[in-house]
Protein backbone atom coordinates (compact mmCIF):
# COMPACT_ATOMS: atom_id res chain seq x y z
CA MET A 1 -120.95 -58.64 -26.28
CA THR A 2 -123.94 -60.54 -24.93
CA ALA A 3 -125.51 -57.32 -23.68
CA LEU A 4 -125.34 -55.91 -27.22
CA ALA A 5 -126.98 -59.04 -28.59
CA PHE A 6 -129.79 -58.80 -26.03
CA GLU A 7 -130.33 -55.13 -26.91
CA ALA A 8 -130.47 -55.98 -30.62
CA VAL A 9 -133.27 -58.51 -30.15
CA LYS A 10 -135.15 -56.61 -27.45
CA GLY A 11 -138.86 -56.83 -28.10
CA THR A 12 -138.54 -60.02 -30.12
CA SER A 13 -140.76 -62.74 -28.77
CA GLY A 14 -139.62 -66.24 -28.15
CA LEU A 15 -138.04 -68.09 -25.29
CA TRP A 16 -135.68 -69.91 -27.65
CA LEU A 17 -133.91 -66.67 -28.57
CA GLY A 18 -133.15 -65.87 -24.93
CA LEU A 19 -131.87 -69.40 -24.38
CA LEU A 20 -129.79 -69.19 -27.54
CA LEU A 21 -128.20 -65.92 -26.42
CA ASN A 22 -127.41 -67.42 -23.02
CA ILE A 23 -125.96 -70.68 -24.30
CA VAL A 24 -124.08 -70.03 -27.54
CA PRO A 25 -121.66 -67.26 -26.40
CA ALA A 26 -120.53 -69.21 -23.33
CA LEU A 27 -120.04 -72.43 -25.31
CA VAL A 28 -118.09 -70.65 -28.05
CA ALA A 29 -115.94 -68.88 -25.45
CA GLY A 30 -115.09 -72.21 -23.81
CA LEU A 31 -114.24 -73.79 -27.14
CA LEU A 32 -112.05 -70.90 -28.27
CA VAL A 33 -110.21 -70.46 -24.99
CA PHE A 34 -109.40 -74.15 -24.74
CA ALA A 35 -108.43 -74.37 -28.41
CA ILE A 36 -105.93 -71.56 -27.88
CA ALA A 37 -104.65 -73.20 -24.69
CA ALA A 38 -104.36 -76.58 -26.43
CA ARG A 39 -102.37 -75.04 -29.27
CA TRP A 40 -100.03 -73.37 -26.78
CA LEU A 41 -99.60 -76.65 -24.86
CA SER A 42 -99.09 -78.57 -28.11
CA GLN A 43 -96.33 -76.23 -29.28
CA ARG A 44 -94.45 -77.00 -26.08
CA GLY A 45 -95.05 -80.74 -26.33
CA TRP A 46 -97.29 -80.76 -23.25
CA PHE A 47 -100.54 -81.77 -24.97
CA LEU A 48 -100.45 -85.54 -24.81
CA PRO A 49 -103.00 -87.48 -26.87
CA GLY A 50 -105.23 -90.22 -25.51
CA TRP A 51 -108.06 -90.59 -23.07
CA SER A 52 -105.96 -90.99 -19.93
CA ALA A 53 -104.13 -87.73 -20.69
CA HIS A 54 -107.51 -86.11 -21.38
CA GLY A 55 -108.77 -87.28 -17.99
CA ARG A 56 -105.78 -85.83 -16.15
CA ARG A 57 -105.80 -82.60 -18.12
CA ALA A 58 -109.55 -82.00 -18.00
CA SER A 59 -110.25 -83.18 -14.44
CA PRO A 60 -110.61 -79.58 -13.17
CA LEU A 61 -113.22 -78.95 -15.86
CA TYR A 62 -115.12 -82.10 -14.85
CA ALA A 63 -115.01 -80.95 -11.21
CA LEU A 64 -116.26 -77.50 -12.22
CA MET A 65 -119.11 -79.04 -14.23
CA LEU A 66 -120.11 -81.16 -11.22
CA LEU A 67 -120.05 -78.12 -8.94
CA VAL A 68 -122.22 -76.13 -11.38
CA LEU A 69 -124.70 -79.01 -11.62
CA VAL A 70 -124.96 -79.15 -7.81
CA ILE A 71 -125.49 -75.38 -7.60
CA VAL A 72 -128.19 -75.40 -10.28
CA ALA A 73 -129.89 -78.49 -8.81
CA ARG A 74 -130.03 -76.91 -5.35
CA GLY A 75 -131.27 -73.51 -6.54
CA TRP A 76 -133.58 -74.69 -9.33
CA ARG A 77 -136.85 -74.06 -7.51
CA SER A 78 -135.94 -70.76 -5.89
CA PRO A 79 -137.20 -67.74 -7.85
CA ASP A 80 -134.33 -65.68 -6.43
CA PHE A 81 -131.79 -68.09 -7.87
CA TRP A 82 -132.66 -67.14 -11.44
CA MET A 83 -131.53 -63.57 -10.80
CA VAL A 84 -127.93 -64.85 -10.63
CA ALA A 85 -128.28 -68.16 -12.48
CA GLN A 86 -126.38 -66.88 -15.50
CA ILE A 87 -123.12 -66.87 -13.55
CA PRO A 88 -123.00 -70.63 -12.87
CA LEU A 89 -124.74 -71.39 -16.18
CA TRP A 90 -122.18 -69.51 -18.26
CA THR A 91 -119.30 -70.93 -16.22
CA GLY A 92 -120.60 -74.46 -16.69
CA LEU A 93 -121.18 -74.00 -20.41
CA ALA A 94 -117.69 -72.60 -20.92
CA ALA A 95 -116.27 -75.60 -19.02
CA PHE A 96 -118.37 -77.92 -21.17
CA GLY A 97 -117.02 -76.24 -24.31
CA GLY A 98 -113.49 -76.82 -23.03
CA LEU A 99 -114.28 -80.48 -22.33
CA VAL A 100 -115.67 -80.98 -25.82
CA CYS A 101 -112.64 -79.32 -27.42
CA ASP A 102 -110.19 -81.33 -25.32
CA ALA A 103 -111.99 -84.61 -25.99
CA PHE A 104 -112.04 -83.90 -29.74
CA LEU A 105 -108.36 -82.98 -29.83
CA SER A 106 -107.40 -85.97 -27.68
CA ARG A 107 -109.22 -88.34 -30.00
CA HIS A 108 -107.99 -86.64 -33.17
CA ARG A 109 -104.35 -86.63 -32.06
CA SER A 110 -104.47 -90.25 -30.90
CA THR A 111 -105.79 -91.51 -34.26
CA PRO A 112 -103.04 -93.35 -36.14
CA VAL A 113 -101.89 -91.59 -39.29
CA HIS A 114 -102.96 -94.44 -41.54
CA MET A 115 -106.57 -94.00 -40.32
CA LEU A 116 -106.91 -90.28 -41.05
CA PRO A 117 -109.70 -89.46 -43.55
CA ASN A 118 -107.40 -87.67 -46.00
CA GLU A 119 -105.21 -90.77 -46.27
CA ARG A 120 -107.97 -93.08 -47.57
């Protein structure tokens, strides 16, 4: 999908477009995959609300984000690194999307019913 997007904008100038095409698909993929996983877990009663449950559930994603940050920080200055930088970048962005989705769902599900916006 990303390759098709890059082909469609080939010849278009602007660094922002390349960054956009590298960031948005990975973030959206992380959000969607975790939203589907959260729904599946929720249907089985395994998606517990609250920040402590979020920490336990999302700890592998936090570890993955830390690993990606270390890899990017170590390879930042090497020109050869940027030939393969998309692999850790996309992985880290997908993990970040999952973290955002999980944090949102954890907060939303832990909000008491009397505080929901539609109840005001």
